[in-house]
Amino acid sequence: MHAGFNQTIRACCGVGGNYNYDANIWCGSTGTINGKTVVAKACTDPDSYIIWDGVHWTDHANRLITKAILGGKYLEPAFSIASQCDLQPF
């Protein structure tokens, strides 16, 4: 488990295959796979997934990335962007 993620390559909302993703059946829609009608539904624990729908990251993944960027971890030289702004949580 990495940063609270149990699923690092499977989509939370999708259907089909090892990655729970079919480019023709988007999250929340109905489609056909191997002659069977399927519905791409969301998982019950999205915070344990990195990938939302095979294309977008989950809110949890976006929060971690944003914190890393604002914290300055990936800047050269490293400095906290958050320390330079009056950021307020919403």
N, C-alpha and C. Protein backbone atom coordinates (compact mmCIF):
# COMPACT_ATOMS: atom_id res chain seq x y z
N MET A 1 0.85 -1.18 0.00
CA MET A 1 0.00 0.00 0.00
C MET A 1 0.90 1.24 0.00
N HIS A 2 0.62 2.18 -0.89
CA HIS A 2 1.40 3.39 -1.03
C HIS A 2 0.52 4.61 -0.78
N ALA A 3 0.87 5.44 0.18
CA ALA A 3 0.15 6.69 0.49
C ALA A 3 -1.34 6.46 0.68
N GLY A 4 -1.71 5.31 1.22
CA GLY A 4 -3.12 5.00 1.45
C GLY A 4 -3.82 4.39 0.26
N PHE A 5 -3.11 4.17 -0.82
CA PHE A 5 -3.72 3.59 -2.03
C PHE A 5 -3.57 2.07 -2.02
N ASN A 6 -4.68 1.37 -2.19
CA ASN A 6 -4.65 -0.09 -2.34
C ASN A 6 -4.66 -0.48 -3.81
N GLN A 7 -5.22 0.38 -4.65
CA GLN A 7 -5.31 0.13 -6.08
C GLN A 7 -4.51 1.18 -6.82
N THR A 8 -3.41 0.76 -7.43
CA THR A 8 -2.54 1.73 -8.09
C THR A 8 -2.62 1.71 -9.61
N ILE A 9 -3.26 0.68 -10.19
CA ILE A 9 -3.37 0.63 -11.65
C ILE A 9 -4.80 0.42 -12.13
N ARG A 10 -5.72 0.07 -11.24
CA ARG A 10 -7.12 -0.14 -11.62
C ARG A 10 -7.92 1.15 -11.43
N ALA A 11 -8.87 1.39 -12.32
CA ALA A 11 -9.75 2.55 -12.19
C ALA A 11 -10.84 2.26 -11.17
N CYS A 12 -11.21 3.28 -10.43
CA CYS A 12 -12.30 3.15 -9.46
C CYS A 12 -13.64 3.02 -10.18
N CYS A 13 -13.86 3.86 -11.16
CA CYS A 13 -15.14 3.86 -11.87
C CYS A 13 -14.92 3.39 -13.30
N GLY A 14 -15.34 2.17 -13.57
CA GLY A 14 -15.15 1.63 -14.91
C GLY A 14 -15.64 0.21 -14.98
N VAL A 15 -15.25 -0.45 -16.05
CA VAL A 15 -15.64 -1.85 -16.24
C VAL A 15 -14.68 -2.51 -17.22
N GLY A 16 -14.31 -3.75 -16.93
CA GLY A 16 -13.56 -4.54 -17.89
C GLY A 16 -12.08 -4.65 -17.67
N GLY A 17 -11.58 -5.87 -17.78
CA GLY A 17 -10.15 -6.14 -17.81
C GLY A 17 -9.40 -5.89 -16.52
N ASN A 18 -8.10 -6.05 -16.62
CA ASN A 18 -7.22 -5.89 -15.45
C ASN A 18 -7.23 -4.48 -14.89
N TYR A 19 -7.54 -3.50 -15.73
CA TYR A 19 -7.47 -2.10 -15.30
C TYR A 19 -8.84 -1.51 -14.99
N ASN A 20 -9.90 -2.31 -15.08
CA ASN A 20 -11.27 -1.84 -14.87
C ASN A 20 -11.56 -0.64 -15.76
N TYR A 21 -11.14 -0.76 -17.01
CA TYR A 21 -11.26 0.36 -17.95
C TYR A 21 -11.57 -0.14 -19.35
N ASP A 22 -12.55 0.47 -19.97
CA ASP A 22 -12.86 0.24 -21.38
C ASP A 22 -13.12 1.61 -21.99
N ALA A 23 -12.33 2.01 -22.96
CA ALA A 23 -12.42 3.34 -23.55
C ALA A 23 -13.78 3.62 -24.16
N ASN A 24 -14.57 2.60 -24.43
CA ASN A 24 -15.89 2.77 -25.04
C ASN A 24 -17.02 2.83 -24.03
N ILE A 25 -16.73 2.54 -22.77
CA ILE A 25 -17.77 2.55 -21.74
C ILE A 25 -17.29 3.44 -20.59
N TRP A 26 -17.69 4.69 -20.63
CA TRP A 26 -17.25 5.67 -19.64
C TRP A 26 -17.96 5.47 -18.31
N CYS A 27 -17.40 6.01 -17.27
CA CYS A 27 -17.96 5.95 -15.93
C CYS A 27 -19.42 6.37 -15.92
N GLY A 28 -20.26 5.51 -15.37
CA GLY A 28 -21.69 5.81 -15.26
C GLY A 28 -22.50 5.43 -16.48
N SER A 29 -21.86 4.93 -17.52
CA SER A 29 -22.60 4.59 -18.73
C SER A 29 -22.74 3.08 -18.88
N THR A 30 -23.60 2.69 -19.80
CA THR A 30 -23.88 1.29 -20.09
C THR A 30 -23.28 0.94 -21.45
N GLY A 31 -22.77 -0.27 -21.57
CA GLY A 31 -22.19 -0.72 -22.83
C GLY A 31 -22.25 -2.23 -22.93
N THR A 32 -21.61 -2.75 -23.96
CA THR A 32 -21.60 -4.19 -24.18
C THR A 32 -20.17 -4.69 -24.27
N ILE A 33 -19.86 -5.74 -23.51
CA ILE A 33 -18.58 -6.41 -23.55
C ILE A 33 -18.85 -7.90 -23.75
N ASN A 34 -18.30 -8.47 -24.81
CA ASN A 34 -18.48 -9.88 -25.12
C ASN A 34 -19.96 -10.30 -25.13
N GLY A 35 -20.79 -9.43 -25.70
CA GLY A 35 -22.21 -9.73 -25.83
C GLY A 35 -23.04 -9.52 -24.57
N LYS A 36 -22.43 -9.06 -23.48
CA LYS A 36 -23.14 -8.82 -22.23
C LYS A 36 -23.24 -7.33 -21.96
N THR A 37 -24.42 -6.90 -21.50
CA THR A 37 -24.62 -5.51 -21.12
C THR A 37 -23.99 -5.28 -19.75
N VAL A 38 -23.17 -4.24 -19.66
CA VAL A 38 -22.48 -3.90 -18.42
C VAL A 38 -22.65 -2.42 -18.12
N VAL A 39 -22.53 -2.08 -16.84
CA VAL A 39 -22.60 -0.69 -16.41
C VAL A 39 -21.30 -0.35 -15.69
N ALA A 40 -20.68 0.74 -16.09
CA ALA A 40 -19.44 1.20 -15.44
C ALA A 40 -19.83 1.96 -14.18
N LYS A 41 -19.64 1.32 -13.04
CA LYS A 41 -20.03 1.90 -11.74
C LYS A 41 -18.80 2.30 -10.94
N ALA A 42 -19.01 3.23 -10.03
CA ALA A 42 -17.93 3.68 -9.15
C ALA A 42 -17.71 2.68 -8.03
N CYS A 43 -16.47 2.60 -7.58
CA CYS A 43 -16.13 1.74 -6.45
C CYS A 43 -16.67 2.35 -5.16
N THR A 44 -16.66 1.58 -4.09
CA THR A 44 -17.18 2.08 -2.81
C THR A 44 -16.12 2.81 -1.99
N ASP A 45 -14.84 2.70 -2.38
CA ASP A 45 -13.76 3.30 -1.61
C ASP A 45 -12.79 4.09 -2.50
N PRO A 46 -13.25 5.17 -3.12
CA PRO A 46 -12.41 5.90 -4.08
C PRO A 46 -11.09 6.43 -3.52
N ASP A 47 -11.01 6.69 -2.22
CA ASP A 47 -9.75 7.20 -1.66
C ASP A 47 -8.64 6.16 -1.68
N SER A 48 -8.96 4.90 -1.94
CA SER A 48 -7.91 3.88 -2.01
C SER A 48 -7.43 3.67 -3.45
N TYR A 49 -7.96 4.46 -4.39
CA TYR A 49 -7.57 4.38 -5.80
C TYR A 49 -6.83 5.64 -6.22
N ILE A 50 -5.88 5.49 -7.14
CA ILE A 50 -5.19 6.64 -7.74
C ILE A 50 -5.99 7.13 -8.94
N ILE A 51 -6.53 6.19 -9.71
CA ILE A 51 -7.19 6.51 -10.97
C ILE A 51 -8.71 6.45 -10.80
N TRP A 52 -9.39 7.53 -11.22
CA TRP A 52 -10.84 7.58 -11.10
C TRP A 52 -11.54 6.78 -12.19
N ASP A 53 -11.30 7.13 -13.45
CA ASP A 53 -12.07 6.53 -14.54
C ASP A 53 -11.21 6.04 -15.70
N GLY A 54 -9.95 5.83 -15.45
CA GLY A 54 -9.04 5.40 -16.50
C GLY A 54 -8.34 6.55 -17.18
N VAL A 55 -8.83 7.76 -16.95
CA VAL A 55 -8.26 8.96 -17.58
C VAL A 55 -7.89 10.01 -16.53
N HIS A 56 -8.70 10.14 -15.50
CA HIS A 56 -8.50 11.18 -14.48
C HIS A 56 -8.06 10.56 -13.16
N TRP A 57 -7.33 11.36 -12.38
CA TRP A 57 -6.95 10.93 -11.04
C TRP A 57 -8.12 11.13 -10.08
N THR A 58 -8.10 10.42 -8.96
CA THR A 58 -9.11 10.59 -7.93
C THR A 58 -8.85 11.88 -7.16
N ASP A 59 -9.84 12.33 -6.41
CA ASP A 59 -9.66 13.53 -5.57
C ASP A 59 -8.52 13.33 -4.59
N HIS A 60 -8.43 12.14 -4.00
CA HIS A 60 -7.35 11.86 -3.04
C HIS A 60 -5.98 11.99 -3.69
N ALA A 61 -5.82 11.44 -4.89
CA ALA A 61 -4.54 11.56 -5.60
C ALA A 61 -4.24 13.02 -5.92
N ASN A 62 -5.24 13.76 -6.38
CA ASN A 62 -5.05 15.18 -6.68
C ASN A 62 -4.64 15.98 -5.44
N ARG A 63 -5.24 15.67 -4.29
CA ARG A 63 -4.88 16.37 -3.05
C ARG A 63 -3.41 16.13 -2.70
N LEU A 64 -2.95 14.87 -2.79
CA LEU A 64 -1.56 14.56 -2.45
C LEU A 64 -0.59 15.27 -3.40
N ILE A 65 -0.91 15.29 -4.67
CA ILE A 65 -0.05 15.95 -5.65
C ILE A 65 -0.01 17.46 -5.40
N THR A 66 -1.16 18.05 -5.13
CA THR A 66 -1.23 19.48 -4.86
C THR A 66 -0.42 19.84 -3.61
N LYS A 67 -0.56 19.04 -2.55
CA LYS A 67 0.22 19.30 -1.33
C LYS A 67 1.72 19.23 -1.60
N ALA A 68 2.13 18.27 -2.41
CA ALA A 68 3.56 18.14 -2.73
C ALA A 68 4.05 19.35 -3.51
N ILE A 69 3.26 19.82 -4.46
CA ILE A 69 3.67 20.98 -5.27
C ILE A 69 3.69 22.24 -4.41
N LEU A 70 2.61 22.48 -3.66
CA LEU A 70 2.55 23.68 -2.82
C LEU A 70 3.60 23.65 -1.71
N GLY A 71 3.96 22.47 -1.26
CA GLY A 71 4.97 22.34 -0.22
C GLY A 71 6.38 22.57 -0.72
N GLY A 72 6.55 22.63 -2.04
CA GLY A 72 7.85 22.93 -2.62
C GLY A 72 8.75 21.74 -2.84
N LYS A 73 8.25 20.55 -2.59
CA LYS A 73 9.08 19.36 -2.70
C LYS A 73 9.67 19.16 -4.10
N TYR A 74 8.95 19.61 -5.12
CA TYR A 74 9.40 19.38 -6.49
C TYR A 74 9.88 20.66 -7.18
N LEU A 75 10.24 21.64 -6.42
CA LEU A 75 10.77 22.88 -6.97
C LEU A 75 12.28 22.92 -6.75
N GLU A 76 12.97 23.64 -7.62
CA GLU A 76 14.41 23.77 -7.49
C GLU A 76 14.78 25.24 -7.57
N PRO A 77 15.28 25.88 -6.55
CA PRO A 77 15.51 25.29 -5.24
C PRO A 77 14.19 25.08 -4.51
N ALA A 78 14.17 24.15 -3.60
CA ALA A 78 12.95 23.81 -2.86
C ALA A 78 12.51 24.99 -1.98
N PHE A 79 11.26 25.36 -2.09
CA PHE A 79 10.66 26.34 -1.19
C PHE A 79 9.15 26.12 -1.20
N SER A 80 8.51 26.54 -0.16
CA SER A 80 7.08 26.32 0.00
C SER A 80 6.29 27.43 -0.69
N ILE A 81 5.58 27.08 -1.73
CA ILE A 81 4.69 28.05 -2.37
C ILE A 81 3.62 28.50 -1.39
N ALA A 82 3.14 27.55 -0.59
CA ALA A 82 2.09 27.85 0.39
C ALA A 82 2.55 28.94 1.36
N SER A 83 3.84 28.99 1.68
CA SER A 83 4.33 30.01 2.62
C SER A 83 4.32 31.40 1.99
N GLN A 84 4.22 31.48 0.69
CA GLN A 84 4.21 32.77 -0.02
C GLN A 84 2.80 33.27 -0.33
N CYS A 85 1.79 32.49 0.04
CA CYS A 85 0.40 32.81 -0.28
C CYS A 85 -0.47 32.74 0.97
N ASP A 86 -1.56 33.42 0.93
CA ASP A 86 -2.54 33.34 2.02
C ASP A 86 -3.59 32.32 1.60
N LEU A 87 -3.23 31.05 1.68
CA LEU A 87 -4.14 29.97 1.26
C LEU A 87 -5.12 29.64 2.37
N GLN A 88 -6.36 29.54 2.01
CA GLN A 88 -7.42 29.21 2.96
C GLN A 88 -8.13 27.94 2.49
N PRO A 89 -8.37 26.99 3.40
CA PRO A 89 -9.10 25.79 2.99
C PRO A 89 -10.54 26.12 2.66
N PHE A 90 -11.13 25.35 1.76
CA PHE A 90 -12.55 25.57 1.49
C PHE A 90 -13.36 24.42 1.97
